[in-house]
Amino acid sequence: MTKTKPAGSNTLLRLLPGLLVTVAAVVGLFYFIDMEQLGPALRIADFSWFPLVLVFFLGTLTTRTIAWRTILQERASFKDSFLVLNQAYLLNNVLPFRLGELGRALLISNRAKMGFWEALSTVVVERVFDLGLAAGILLFTLPLVVGAEWARTAAYISLGLVAIGFVLLFWMANNPKQVPKLLERLTGRWPKLRAWLVDKASSFTLGLSALQDGRRFGRVLFWMVLTWLFNVAWYFVLMRAFFPMAAWLWGFFSVGVASLGVALPSSPGYIGVFEGVLVGALSFFNADPAVALAFAVVGHLTYFAVTGILGIIGFWQQGESLGGIYRKLLNRQA
């Protein structure tokens, strides 16, 4: 008789890679930085800049909401889209397995009266725009920072991979009837997988319809570019509170590195990993490691606080709970 593994052991195994990355990042921070200097580093910061940090951070959330709502073809109100976006961030902050993006699709599907897979495809489109812009930032800043030819080559490769992703999504959006046929050919040896993928493909491609409209595509791109500019702005303004000599290149490079760093497996909320990659990014500018860590900690706490408060408001208005959403997401993963 075959014994099945307990669900708890499976969950722990899936969590293990992220936990190991987080532990490694935290250990590295404690090893390379004198933590006794963290308090003085926080005290030297000029927090008169902080209201402007909040303005730019809210600007990032606002423009991202507009971009995503454009992909949704305005089937959800701005208020609902804004709150769901922050609910997703809250889910990512407290739940494992990066469930926030799946949670965003689940929550907006209820409010916009659309299928889960159609909603999920709109999230995928937005993330592809994110990857493209992040690659663009690294493309232009990495060679300026490190001055090495390999850096430019690596950036071009990253941009090329993202471009391939855009082309694939564009083809899927404009050939929705061909997608199931392609999946049938690719999964011919696995009948169950083929039936499941073909069943979901039609709903998924519906969410890509925004890519069929050139004007809508341009609007999404405009708001996503503005999102990243706001993102760089709040990083840079907060950075100036700790490093008065900081230049805009510091902000652009730090955002590019941070976007790459949080893509690594980690514990919920990217704790330790976010701080580690920012300290590493600022080391290229010979920044004091303790002050860089203080900047990263304040930036991370700002993200937690703002998205957490807005996410809680969203759950309260919808009458949902974190536990309830978590159970629904685990059922969908199964």
C-alpha atoms as a PDB file:
ATOM      1  CA  MET A   1       0.000   0.000   0.000  1.00  0.00           C
ATOM      2  CA  THR A   2       1.453   3.368  -1.050  1.00  0.00           C
ATOM      3  CA  LYS A   3       1.856   5.959   1.653  1.00  0.00           C
ATOM      4  CA  THR A   4       1.098   9.562   0.796  1.00  0.00           C
ATOM      5  CA  LYS A   5       3.214  12.362   2.159  1.00  0.00           C
ATOM      6  CA  PRO A   6       1.530  14.665   4.649  1.00  0.00           C
ATOM      7  CA  ALA A   7       0.375  17.963   3.174  1.00  0.00           C
ATOM      8  CA  GLY A   8       2.509  19.816   5.720  1.00  0.00           C
ATOM      9  CA  SER A   9       5.729  18.166   4.518  1.00  0.00           C
ATOM     10  CA  ASN A  10       4.939  19.054   0.893  1.00  0.00           C
ATOM     11  CA  THR A  11       4.324  22.664   1.869  1.00  0.00           C
ATOM     12  CA  LEU A  12       7.610  22.791   3.790  1.00  0.00           C
ATOM     13  CA  LEU A  13       9.528  21.387   0.822  1.00  0.00           C
ATOM     14  CA  ARG A  14       8.039  24.020  -1.469  1.00  0.00           C
ATOM     15  CA  LEU A  15       8.900  26.753   1.035  1.00  0.00           C
ATOM     16  CA  LEU A  16      12.451  25.540   1.577  1.00  0.00           C
ATOM     17  CA  PRO A  17      14.203  27.171  -1.452  1.00  0.00           C
ATOM     18  CA  GLY A  18      12.757  30.589  -0.636  1.00  0.00           C
ATOM     19  CA  LEU A  19      13.571  30.237   3.050  1.00  0.00           C
ATOM     20  CA  LEU A  20      17.159  29.287   2.235  1.00  0.00           C
ATOM     21  CA  VAL A  21      17.582  32.350   0.004  1.00  0.00           C
ATOM     22  CA  THR A  22      16.148  34.565   2.740  1.00  0.00           C
ATOM     23  CA  VAL A  23      18.383  33.039   5.414  1.00  0.00           C
ATOM     24  CA  ALA A  24      21.434  33.470   3.175  1.00  0.00           C
ATOM     25  CA  ALA A  25      20.556  37.120   2.567  1.00  0.00           C
ATOM     26  CA  VAL A  26      20.032  37.844   6.270  1.00  0.00           C
ATOM     27  CA  VAL A  27      23.247  36.056   7.265  1.00  0.00           C
ATOM     28  CA  GLY A  28      25.133  38.001   4.608  1.00  0.00           C
ATOM     29  CA  LEU A  29      23.787  41.299   5.932  1.00  0.00           C
ATOM     30  CA  PHE A  30      24.828  40.459   9.488  1.00  0.00           C
ATOM     31  CA  TYR A  31      28.243  39.290   8.303  1.00  0.00           C
ATOM     32  CA  PHE A  32      29.149  42.282   6.139  1.00  0.00           C
ATOM     33  CA  ILE A  33      27.431  45.087   8.085  1.00  0.00           C
ATOM     34  CA  ASP A  34      28.018  46.290  11.613  1.00  0.00           C
ATOM     35  CA  MET A  35      24.445  46.254  12.931  1.00  0.00           C
ATOM     36  CA  GLU A  36      25.424  48.593  15.776  1.00  0.00           C
ATOM     37  CA  GLN A  37      25.731  51.313  13.127  1.00  0.00           C
ATOM     38  CA  LEU A  38      22.142  50.844  11.936  1.00  0.00           C
ATOM     39  CA  GLY A  39      20.668  53.029  14.708  1.00  0.00           C
ATOM     40  CA  PRO A  40      23.009  55.990  14.052  1.00  0.00           C
ATOM     41  CA  ALA A  41      22.390  55.604  10.311  1.00  0.00           C
ATOM     42  CA  LEU A  42      18.641  55.946  10.873  1.00  0.00           C
ATOM     43  CA  ARG A  43      19.155  58.999  13.095  1.00  0.00           C
ATOM     44  CA  ILE A  44      21.160  60.928  10.493  1.00  0.00           C
ATOM     45  CA  ALA A  45      18.404  60.634   7.880  1.00  0.00           C
ATOM     46  CA  ASP A  46      16.529  63.785   6.896  1.00  0.00           C
ATOM     47  CA  PHE A  47      12.924  62.606   7.169  1.00  0.00           C
ATOM     48  CA  SER A  48      11.570  65.971   6.020  1.00  0.00           C
ATOM     49  CA  TRP A  49      11.709  64.281   2.587  1.00  0.00           C
ATOM     50  CA  PHE A  50       9.269  61.577   3.657  1.00  0.00           C
ATOM     51  CA  PRO A  51       5.939  63.275   2.680  1.00  0.00           C
ATOM     52  CA  LEU A  52       7.256  63.564  -0.883  1.00  0.00           C
ATOM     53  CA  VAL A  53       8.232  59.873  -0.753  1.00  0.00           C
ATOM     54  CA  LEU A  54       4.618  59.002   0.080  1.00  0.00           C
ATOM     55  CA  VAL A  55       3.298  61.190  -2.746  1.00  0.00           C
ATOM     56  CA  PHE A  56       5.490  59.463  -5.317  1.00  0.00           C
ATOM     57  CA  PHE A  57       4.727  56.017  -3.873  1.00  0.00           C
ATOM     58  CA  LEU A  58       0.990  56.646  -4.157  1.00  0.00           C
ATOM     59  CA  GLY A  59       1.654  57.912  -7.679  1.00  0.00           C
ATOM     60  CA  THR A  60       3.191  54.534  -8.494  1.00  0.00           C
ATOM     61  CA  LEU A  61       0.119  52.697  -7.196  1.00  0.00           C
ATOM     62  CA  THR A  62      -2.244  55.037  -9.039  1.00  0.00           C
ATOM     63  CA  THR A  63      -0.610  54.815 -12.460  1.00  0.00           C
ATOM     64  CA  ARG A  64      -0.175  51.044 -12.162  1.00  0.00           C
ATOM     65  CA  THR A  65      -3.871  50.748 -11.379  1.00  0.00           C
ATOM     66  CA  ILE A  66      -4.756  52.805 -14.460  1.00  0.00           C
ATOM     67  CA  ALA A  67      -2.485  50.628 -16.622  1.00  0.00           C
ATOM     68  CA  TRP A  68      -3.975  47.398 -15.315  1.00  0.00           C
ATOM     69  CA  ARG A  69      -7.529  48.758 -15.614  1.00  0.00           C
ATOM     70  CA  THR A  70      -6.769  49.593 -19.258  1.00  0.00           C
ATOM     71  CA  ILE A  71      -5.705  45.975 -19.812  1.00  0.00           C
ATOM     72  CA  LEU A  72      -8.959  44.944 -18.131  1.00  0.00           C
ATOM     73  CA  GLN A  73     -10.728  47.151 -20.715  1.00  0.00           C
ATOM     74  CA  GLU A  74     -12.348  49.178 -17.921  1.00  0.00           C
ATOM     75  CA  ARG A  75     -14.502  46.254 -16.796  1.00  0.00           C
ATOM     76  CA  ALA A  76     -13.700  47.120 -13.176  1.00  0.00           C
ATOM     77  CA  SER A  77     -13.887  50.545 -11.527  1.00  0.00           C
ATOM     78  CA  PHE A  78     -10.715  52.413 -10.591  1.00  0.00           C
ATOM     79  CA  LYS A  79     -11.554  52.005  -6.894  1.00  0.00           C
ATOM     80  CA  ASP A  80     -11.973  48.229  -7.175  1.00  0.00           C
ATOM     81  CA  SER A  81      -8.825  47.854  -9.279  1.00  0.00           C
ATOM     82  CA  PHE A  82      -6.801  50.007  -6.867  1.00  0.00           C
ATOM     83  CA  LEU A  83      -7.922  48.099  -3.785  1.00  0.00           C
ATOM     84  CA  VAL A  84      -7.441  44.686  -5.405  1.00  0.00           C
ATOM     85  CA  LEU A  85      -3.911  45.655  -6.455  1.00  0.00           C
ATOM     86  CA  ASN A  86      -3.046  46.468  -2.842  1.00  0.00           C
ATOM     87  CA  GLN A  87      -4.805  43.343  -1.590  1.00  0.00           C
ATOM     88  CA  ALA A  88      -2.489  41.376  -3.878  1.00  0.00           C
ATOM     89  CA  TYR A  89       0.547  43.130  -2.419  1.00  0.00           C
ATOM     90  CA  LEU A  90      -0.696  42.345   1.085  1.00  0.00           C
ATOM     91  CA  LEU A  91      -1.105  38.682   0.110  1.00  0.00           C
ATOM     92  CA  ASN A  92       2.457  38.590  -1.211  1.00  0.00           C
ATOM     93  CA  ASN A  93       3.674  40.163   2.033  1.00  0.00           C
ATOM     94  CA  VAL A  94       2.141  37.546   4.334  1.00  0.00           C
ATOM     95  CA  LEU A  95       1.523  34.374   2.302  1.00  0.00           C
ATOM     96  CA  PRO A  96       4.013  31.942   0.726  1.00  0.00           C
ATOM     97  CA  PHE A  97       4.449  30.926  -2.923  1.00  0.00           C
ATOM     98  CA  ARG A  98       3.900  34.455  -4.330  1.00  0.00           C
ATOM     99  CA  LEU A  99       0.146  33.891  -4.161  1.00  0.00           C
ATOM    100  CA  GLY A 100      -0.566  37.596  -4.501  1.00  0.00           C
ATOM    101  CA  GLU A 101      -0.795  37.521  -8.298  1.00  0.00           C
ATOM    102  CA  LEU A 102      -3.176  34.572  -8.262  1.00  0.00           C
ATOM    103  CA  GLY A 103      -5.089  36.346  -5.509  1.00  0.00           C
ATOM    104  CA  ARG A 104      -5.328  39.472  -7.647  1.00  0.00           C
ATOM    105  CA  ALA A 105      -6.876  37.475 -10.483  1.00  0.00           C
ATOM    106  CA  LEU A 106      -9.307  35.766  -8.108  1.00  0.00           C
ATOM    107  CA  LEU A 107     -10.384  39.006  -6.426  1.00  0.00           C
ATOM    108  CA  ILE A 108     -10.795  41.073  -9.606  1.00  0.00           C
ATOM    109  CA  SER A 109     -12.709  38.263 -11.320  1.00  0.00           C
ATOM    110  CA  ASN A 110     -15.373  38.627  -8.636  1.00  0.00           C
ATOM    111  CA  ARG A 111     -15.608  42.404  -9.003  1.00  0.00           C
ATOM    112  CA  ALA A 112     -15.330  42.601 -12.805  1.00  0.00           C
ATOM    113  CA  LYS A 113     -17.581  39.574 -13.404  1.00  0.00           C
ATOM    114  CA  MET A 114     -15.041  37.735 -15.526  1.00  0.00           C
ATOM    115  CA  GLY A 115     -13.517  34.272 -15.412  1.00  0.00           C
ATOM    116  CA  PHE A 116     -10.469  33.565 -13.268  1.00  0.00           C
ATOM    117  CA  TRP A 117      -8.261  32.585 -16.207  1.00  0.00           C
ATOM    118  CA  GLU A 118      -9.260  35.622 -18.215  1.00  0.00           C
ATOM    119  CA  ALA A 119      -8.427  37.807 -15.203  1.00  0.00           C
ATOM    120  CA  LEU A 120      -5.116  36.005 -14.697  1.00  0.00           C
ATOM    121  CA  SER A 121      -4.083  36.720 -18.283  1.00  0.00           C
ATOM    122  CA  THR A 122      -4.447  40.478 -17.633  1.00  0.00           C
ATOM    123  CA  VAL A 123      -2.091  40.117 -14.676  1.00  0.00           C
ATOM    124  CA  VAL A 124       0.382  38.257 -16.909  1.00  0.00           C
ATOM    125  CA  VAL A 125       0.261  41.064 -19.492  1.00  0.00           C
ATOM    126  CA  GLU A 126       0.994  43.669 -16.832  1.00  0.00           C
ATOM    127  CA  ARG A 127       3.911  41.613 -15.480  1.00  0.00           C
ATOM    128  CA  VAL A 128       5.373  41.295 -18.986  1.00  0.00           C
ATOM    129  CA  PHE A 129       5.315  45.086 -19.311  1.00  0.00           C
ATOM    130  CA  ASP A 130       7.075  45.201 -15.938  1.00  0.00           C
ATOM    131  CA  LEU A 131       9.791  42.815 -17.075  1.00  0.00           C
ATOM    132  CA  GLY A 132      10.322  44.753 -20.285  1.00  0.00           C
ATOM    133  CA  LEU A 133      10.733  48.073 -18.511  1.00  0.00           C
ATOM    134  CA  ALA A 134      12.956  46.562 -15.813  1.00  0.00           C
ATOM    135  CA  ALA A 135      15.191  45.085 -18.514  1.00  0.00           C
ATOM    136  CA  GLY A 136      15.267  48.494 -20.208  1.00  0.00           C
ATOM    137  CA  ILE A 137      16.412  50.192 -17.004  1.00  0.00           C
ATOM    138  CA  LEU A 138      19.187  47.632 -16.510  1.00  0.00           C
ATOM    139  CA  LEU A 139      20.157  47.935 -20.172  1.00  0.00           C
ATOM    140  CA  PHE A 140      20.960  51.629 -19.821  1.00  0.00           C
ATOM    141  CA  THR A 141      22.266  51.787 -16.250  1.00  0.00           C
ATOM    142  CA  LEU A 142      24.378  48.662 -15.749  1.00  0.00           C
ATOM    143  CA  PRO A 143      27.063  49.585 -18.313  1.00  0.00           C
ATOM    144  CA  LEU A 144      27.223  53.105 -16.842  1.00  0.00           C
ATOM    145  CA  VAL A 145      27.735  51.718 -13.350  1.00  0.00           C
ATOM    146  CA  VAL A 146      30.170  48.845 -13.894  1.00  0.00           C
ATOM    147  CA  GLY A 147      31.719  49.928 -17.184  1.00  0.00           C
ATOM    148  CA  ALA A 148      32.049  46.352 -18.501  1.00  0.00           C
ATOM    149  CA  GLU A 149      31.109  44.985 -21.900  1.00  0.00           C
ATOM    150  CA  TRP A 150      29.595  41.814 -20.423  1.00  0.00           C
ATOM    151  CA  ALA A 151      27.078  43.989 -18.583  1.00  0.00           C
ATOM    152  CA  ARG A 152      25.753  45.411 -21.825  1.00  0.00           C
ATOM    153  CA  THR A 153      25.624  41.919 -23.364  1.00  0.00           C
ATOM    154  CA  ALA A 154      23.689  40.525 -20.388  1.00  0.00           C
ATOM    155  CA  ALA A 155      21.247  43.422 -20.546  1.00  0.00           C
ATOM    156  CA  TYR A 156      20.642  42.885 -24.271  1.00  0.00           C
ATOM    157  CA  ILE A 157      19.998  39.174 -23.674  1.00  0.00           C
ATOM    158  CA  SER A 158      17.469  39.994 -20.942  1.00  0.00           C
ATOM    159  CA  LEU A 159      15.733  42.524 -23.169  1.00  0.00           C
ATOM    160  CA  GLY A 160      15.670  39.995 -26.007  1.00  0.00           C
ATOM    161  CA  LEU A 161      13.993  37.352 -23.845  1.00  0.00           C
ATOM    162  CA  VAL A 162      11.346  39.842 -22.751  1.00  0.00           C
ATOM    163  CA  ALA A 163      10.798  40.889 -26.374  1.00  0.00           C
ATOM    164  CA  ILE A 164      10.187  37.235 -27.246  1.00  0.00           C
ATOM    165  CA  GLY A 165       7.617  37.116 -24.445  1.00  0.00           C
ATOM    166  CA  PHE A 166       5.860  40.190 -25.892  1.00  0.00           C
ATOM    167  CA  VAL A 167       5.824  38.660 -29.370  1.00  0.00           C
ATOM    168  CA  LEU A 168       4.368  35.410 -28.014  1.00  0.00           C
ATOM    169  CA  LEU A 169       1.629  37.226 -26.097  1.00  0.00           C
ATOM    170  CA  PHE A 170       0.853  39.421 -29.128  1.00  0.00           C
ATOM    171  CA  TRP A 171       0.560  36.313 -31.326  1.00  0.00           C
ATOM    172  CA  MET A 172      -1.720  34.628 -28.770  1.00  0.00           C
ATOM    173  CA  ALA A 173      -3.925  37.731 -28.584  1.00  0.00           C
ATOM    174  CA  ASN A 174      -4.330  37.939 -32.342  1.00  0.00           C
ATOM    175  CA  ASN A 175      -4.661  34.194 -32.954  1.00  0.00           C
ATOM    176  CA  PRO A 176      -6.896  32.980 -30.125  1.00  0.00           C
ATOM    177  CA  LYS A 177      -8.247  30.040 -32.150  1.00  0.00           C
ATOM    178  CA  GLN A 178      -4.740  28.832 -32.946  1.00  0.00           C
ATOM    179  CA  VAL A 179      -3.652  28.631 -29.303  1.00  0.00           C
ATOM    180  CA  PRO A 180      -5.743  25.538 -28.429  1.00  0.00           C
ATOM    181  CA  LYS A 181      -4.570  23.815 -31.616  1.00  0.00           C
ATOM    182  CA  LEU A 182      -0.938  24.530 -30.770  1.00  0.00           C
ATOM    183  CA  LEU A 183      -1.422  23.224 -27.232  1.00  0.00           C
ATOM    184  CA  GLU A 184      -3.037  20.060 -28.570  1.00  0.00           C
ATOM    185  CA  ARG A 185       0.024  19.365 -30.722  1.00  0.00           C
ATOM    186  CA  LEU A 186       2.506  20.137 -27.946  1.00  0.00           C
ATOM    187  CA  THR A 187       0.738  18.010 -25.322  1.00  0.00           C
ATOM    188  CA  GLY A 188      -0.391  15.126 -27.511  1.00  0.00           C
ATOM    189  CA  ARG A 189       1.358  12.544 -25.309  1.00  0.00           C
ATOM    190  CA  TRP A 190      -0.382  13.741 -22.139  1.00  0.00           C
ATOM    191  CA  PRO A 191      -4.164  13.586 -22.675  1.00  0.00           C
ATOM    192  CA  LYS A 192      -5.124  14.885 -19.213  1.00  0.00           C
ATOM    193  CA  LEU A 193      -2.768  17.844 -19.448  1.00  0.00           C
ATOM    194  CA  ARG A 194      -3.961  18.550 -23.007  1.00  0.00           C
ATOM    195  CA  ALA A 195      -7.619  18.565 -21.955  1.00  0.00           C
ATOM    196  CA  TRP A 196      -6.907  20.882 -19.019  1.00  0.00           C
ATOM    197  CA  LEU A 197      -4.792  23.362 -21.020  1.00  0.00           C
ATOM    198  CA  VAL A 198      -7.170  23.498 -23.974  1.00  0.00           C
ATOM    199  CA  ASP A 199     -10.083  24.083 -21.622  1.00  0.00           C
ATOM    200  CA  LYS A 200      -8.324  27.067 -20.000  1.00  0.00           C
ATOM    201  CA  ALA A 201      -6.722  28.506 -23.146  1.00  0.00           C
ATOM    202  CA  SER A 202      -9.881  30.142 -24.507  1.00  0.00           C
ATOM    203  CA  SER A 203     -10.532  32.010 -21.268  1.00  0.00           C
ATOM    204  CA  PHE A 204      -6.876  32.985 -20.955  1.00  0.00           C
ATOM    205  CA  THR A 205      -6.626  34.492 -24.444  1.00  0.00           C
ATOM    206  CA  LEU A 206      -9.706  36.637 -23.795  1.00  0.00           C
ATOM    207  CA  GLY A 207      -7.677  38.650 -21.291  1.00  0.00           C
ATOM    208  CA  LEU A 208      -5.029  39.319 -23.925  1.00  0.00           C
ATOM    209  CA  SER A 209      -7.459  41.151 -26.191  1.00  0.00           C
ATOM    210  CA  ALA A 210      -6.058  44.500 -25.034  1.00  0.00           C
ATOM    211  CA  LEU A 211      -2.945  43.718 -27.085  1.00  0.00           C
ATOM    212  CA  GLN A 212      -5.025  43.613 -30.284  1.00  0.00           C
ATOM    213  CA  ASP A 213      -5.757  47.345 -30.079  1.00  0.00           C
ATOM    214  CA  GLY A 214      -2.748  49.520 -30.915  1.00  0.00           C
ATOM    215  CA  ARG A 215      -4.128  52.567 -29.104  1.00  0.00           C
ATOM    216  CA  ARG A 216      -4.915  50.591 -25.976  1.00  0.00           C
ATOM    217  CA  PHE A 217      -1.473  49.003 -26.107  1.00  0.00           C
ATOM    218  CA  GLY A 218       0.059  52.491 -26.291  1.00  0.00           C
ATOM    219  CA  ARG A 219      -2.003  53.680 -23.325  1.00  0.00           C
ATOM    220  CA  VAL A 220      -0.894  50.710 -21.247  1.00  0.00           C
ATOM    221  CA  LEU A 221       2.734  51.370 -22.178  1.00  0.00           C
ATOM    222  CA  PHE A 222       2.400  55.097 -21.291  1.00  0.00           C
ATOM    223  CA  TRP A 223       0.964  54.412 -17.830  1.00  0.00           C
ATOM    224  CA  MET A 224       3.490  51.653 -17.127  1.00  0.00           C
ATOM    225  CA  VAL A 225       6.396  53.940 -18.058  1.00  0.00           C
ATOM    226  CA  LEU A 226       4.941  56.577 -15.757  1.00  0.00           C
ATOM    227  CA  THR A 227       4.629  53.928 -13.038  1.00  0.00           C
ATOM    228  CA  TRP A 228       8.315  53.155 -13.234  1.00  0.00           C
ATOM    229  CA  LEU A 229       9.266  56.837 -13.267  1.00  0.00           C
ATOM    230  CA  PHE A 230       7.246  57.331 -10.064  1.00  0.00           C
ATOM    231  CA  ASN A 231       8.934  54.226  -8.676  1.00  0.00           C
ATOM    232  CA  VAL A 232      12.398  55.625  -9.391  1.00  0.00           C
ATOM    233  CA  ALA A 233      11.305  58.981  -7.960  1.00  0.00           C
ATOM    234  CA  TRP A 234      10.267  57.646  -4.550  1.00  0.00           C
ATOM    235  CA  TYR A 235      13.433  55.538  -4.317  1.00  0.00           C
ATOM    236  CA  PHE A 236      15.567  58.556  -5.222  1.00  0.00           C
ATOM    237  CA  VAL A 237      13.857  61.000  -2.846  1.00  0.00           C
ATOM    238  CA  LEU A 238      14.136  58.552   0.054  1.00  0.00           C
ATOM    239  CA  MET A 239      17.735  57.899  -0.945  1.00  0.00           C
ATOM    240  CA  ARG A 240      18.523  61.613  -0.722  1.00  0.00           C
ATOM    241  CA  ALA A 241      17.304  61.553   2.873  1.00  0.00           C
ATOM    242  CA  PHE A 242      20.206  59.185   3.644  1.00  0.00           C
ATOM    243  CA  PHE A 243      22.691  60.138   0.922  1.00  0.00           C
ATOM    244  CA  PRO A 244      22.537  63.865   0.083  1.00  0.00           C
ATOM    245  CA  MET A 245      25.091  63.285  -2.688  1.00  0.00           C
ATOM    246  CA  ALA A 246      22.968  60.655  -4.468  1.00  0.00           C
ATOM    247  CA  ALA A 247      22.408  61.131  -8.207  1.00  0.00           C
ATOM    248  CA  TRP A 248      19.496  59.969 -10.347  1.00  0.00           C
ATOM    249  CA  LEU A 249      21.655  57.105 -11.641  1.00  0.00           C
ATOM    250  CA  TRP A 250      21.622  55.681  -8.102  1.00  0.00           C
ATOM    251  CA  GLY A 251      17.829  55.613  -8.139  1.00  0.00           C
ATOM    252  CA  PHE A 252      17.472  54.053 -11.588  1.00  0.00           C
ATOM    253  CA  PHE A 253      20.110  51.407 -10.946  1.00  0.00           C
ATOM    254  CA  SER A 254      18.713  50.520  -7.505  1.00  0.00           C
ATOM    255  CA  VAL A 255      15.201  50.064  -8.916  1.00  0.00           C
ATOM    256  CA  GLY A 256      16.521  47.835 -11.695  1.00  0.00           C
ATOM    257  CA  VAL A 257      18.519  45.673  -9.292  1.00  0.00           C
ATOM    258  CA  ALA A 258      15.671  45.494  -6.759  1.00  0.00           C
ATOM    259  CA  SER A 259      13.198  44.353  -9.424  1.00  0.00           C
ATOM    260  CA  LEU A 260      15.610  41.555 -10.338  1.00  0.00           C
ATOM    261  CA  GLY A 261      16.327  40.650  -6.721  1.00  0.00           C
ATOM    262  CA  VAL A 262      12.739  40.228  -5.581  1.00  0.00           C
ATOM    263  CA  ALA A 263      12.175  37.837  -8.480  1.00  0.00           C
ATOM    264  CA  LEU A 264      14.321  35.315  -6.579  1.00  0.00           C
ATOM    265  CA  PRO A 265      12.593  32.718  -4.379  1.00  0.00           C
ATOM    266  CA  SER A 266      12.266  34.086  -0.855  1.00  0.00           C
ATOM    267  CA  SER A 267      10.079  34.170   2.203  1.00  0.00           C
ATOM    268  CA  PRO A 268       6.841  36.188   2.075  1.00  0.00           C
ATOM    269  CA  GLY A 269       7.494  39.900   1.722  1.00  0.00           C
ATOM    270  CA  TYR A 270      11.030  39.424   0.323  1.00  0.00           C
ATOM    271  CA  ILE A 271      12.405  40.016   3.842  1.00  0.00           C
ATOM    272  CA  GLY A 272      16.194  40.128   3.792  1.00  0.00           C
ATOM    273  CA  VAL A 273      16.414  39.678   0.024  1.00  0.00           C
ATOM    274  CA  PHE A 274      15.100  43.183  -0.721  1.00  0.00           C
ATOM    275  CA  GLU A 275      17.522  44.724   1.769  1.00  0.00           C
ATOM    276  CA  GLY A 276      20.425  42.617   0.517  1.00  0.00           C
ATOM    277  CA  VAL A 277      20.037  43.529  -3.156  1.00  0.00           C
ATOM    278  CA  LEU A 278      19.698  47.251  -2.369  1.00  0.00           C
ATOM    279  CA  VAL A 279      22.802  47.237  -0.177  1.00  0.00           C
ATOM    280  CA  GLY A 280      24.603  45.417  -2.984  1.00  0.00           C
ATOM    281  CA  ALA A 281      23.362  47.918  -5.596  1.00  0.00           C
ATOM    282  CA  LEU A 282      24.486  50.929  -3.556  1.00  0.00           C
ATOM    283  CA  SER A 283      27.887  49.359  -2.929  1.00  0.00           C
ATOM    284  CA  PHE A 284      28.701  50.145  -6.585  1.00  0.00           C
ATOM    285  CA  PHE A 285      28.563  53.818  -5.582  1.00  0.00           C
ATOM    286  CA  ASN A 286      30.763  53.251  -2.501  1.00  0.00           C
ATOM    287  CA  ALA A 287      27.823  53.952  -0.187  1.00  0.00           C
ATOM    288  CA  ASP A 288      28.239  53.189   3.505  1.00  0.00           C
ATOM    289  CA  PRO A 289      26.721  49.702   3.978  1.00  0.00           C
ATOM    290  CA  ALA A 290      25.014  50.555   7.284  1.00  0.00           C
ATOM    291  CA  VAL A 291      23.406  53.670   5.817  1.00  0.00           C
ATOM    292  CA  ALA A 292      22.394  51.707   2.713  1.00  0.00           C
ATOM    293  CA  LEU A 293      20.737  49.097   4.940  1.00  0.00           C
ATOM    294  CA  ALA A 294      18.920  51.825   6.870  1.00  0.00           C
ATOM    295  CA  PHE A 295      17.605  53.217   3.561  1.00  0.00           C
ATOM    296  CA  ALA A 296      16.489  49.747   2.446  1.00  0.00           C
ATOM    297  CA  VAL A 297      14.742  49.011   5.760  1.00  0.00           C
ATOM    298  CA  VAL A 298      12.816  52.301   5.706  1.00  0.00           C
ATOM    299  CA  GLY A 299      11.865  51.767   2.060  1.00  0.00           C
ATOM    300  CA  HIS A 300      10.656  48.242   2.778  1.00  0.00           C
ATOM    301  CA  LEU A 301       8.661  49.366   5.829  1.00  0.00           C
ATOM    302  CA  THR A 302       7.077  52.120   3.732  1.00  0.00           C
ATOM    303  CA  TYR A 303       5.989  49.546   1.152  1.00  0.00           C
ATOM    304  CA  PHE A 304       4.623  47.226   3.864  1.00  0.00           C
ATOM    305  CA  ALA A 305       2.747  50.004   5.664  1.00  0.00           C
ATOM    306  CA  VAL A 306       1.093  51.673   2.678  1.00  0.00           C
ATOM    307  CA  THR A 307       0.113  48.533   0.772  1.00  0.00           C
ATOM    308  CA  GLY A 308      -0.854  46.793   4.025  1.00  0.00           C
ATOM    309  CA  ILE A 309      -3.252  49.531   5.098  1.00  0.00           C
ATOM    310  CA  LEU A 310      -4.810  49.811   1.640  1.00  0.00           C
ATOM    311  CA  GLY A 311      -4.992  46.019   1.323  1.00  0.00           C
ATOM    312  CA  ILE A 312      -6.775  45.688   4.682  1.00  0.00           C
ATOM    313  CA  ILE A 313      -9.266  48.340   3.577  1.00  0.00           C
ATOM    314  CA  GLY A 314      -9.898  46.327   0.404  1.00  0.00           C
ATOM    315  CA  PHE A 315     -10.523  43.091   2.331  1.00  0.00           C
ATOM    316  CA  TRP A 316     -12.776  44.906   4.779  1.00  0.00           C
ATOM    317  CA  GLN A 317     -14.869  46.438   1.988  1.00  0.00           C
ATOM    318  CA  GLN A 318     -15.189  43.121   0.163  1.00  0.00           C
ATOM    319  CA  GLY A 319     -15.966  41.164   3.316  1.00  0.00           C
ATOM    320  CA  GLU A 320     -13.154  38.702   2.608  1.00  0.00           C
ATOM    321  CA  SER A 321     -10.392  37.445   4.899  1.00  0.00           C
ATOM    322  CA  LEU A 322      -6.765  36.522   4.269  1.00  0.00           C
ATOM    323  CA  GLY A 323      -7.418  32.984   5.475  1.00  0.00           C
ATOM    324  CA  GLY A 324     -10.415  32.563   3.193  1.00  0.00           C
ATOM    325  CA  ILE A 325      -8.518  33.778   0.128  1.00  0.00           C
ATOM    326  CA  TYR A 326      -5.547  31.577   1.022  1.00  0.00           C
ATOM    327  CA  ARG A 327      -7.750  28.489   1.138  1.00  0.00           C
ATOM    328  CA  LYS A 328      -9.348  29.354  -2.211  1.00  0.00           C
ATOM    329  CA  LEU A 329      -5.921  29.849  -3.782  1.00  0.00           C
ATOM    330  CA  LEU A 330      -4.604  26.564  -2.437  1.00  0.00           C
ATOM    331  CA  ASN A 331      -7.646  24.808  -3.881  1.00  0.00           C
ATOM    332  CA  ARG A 332      -6.931  26.392  -7.273  1.00  0.00           C
ATOM    333  CA  GLN A 333      -3.267  25.395  -7.083  1.00  0.00           C
ATOM    334  CA  ALA A 334      -4.319  21.822  -6.369  1.00  0.00           C
END
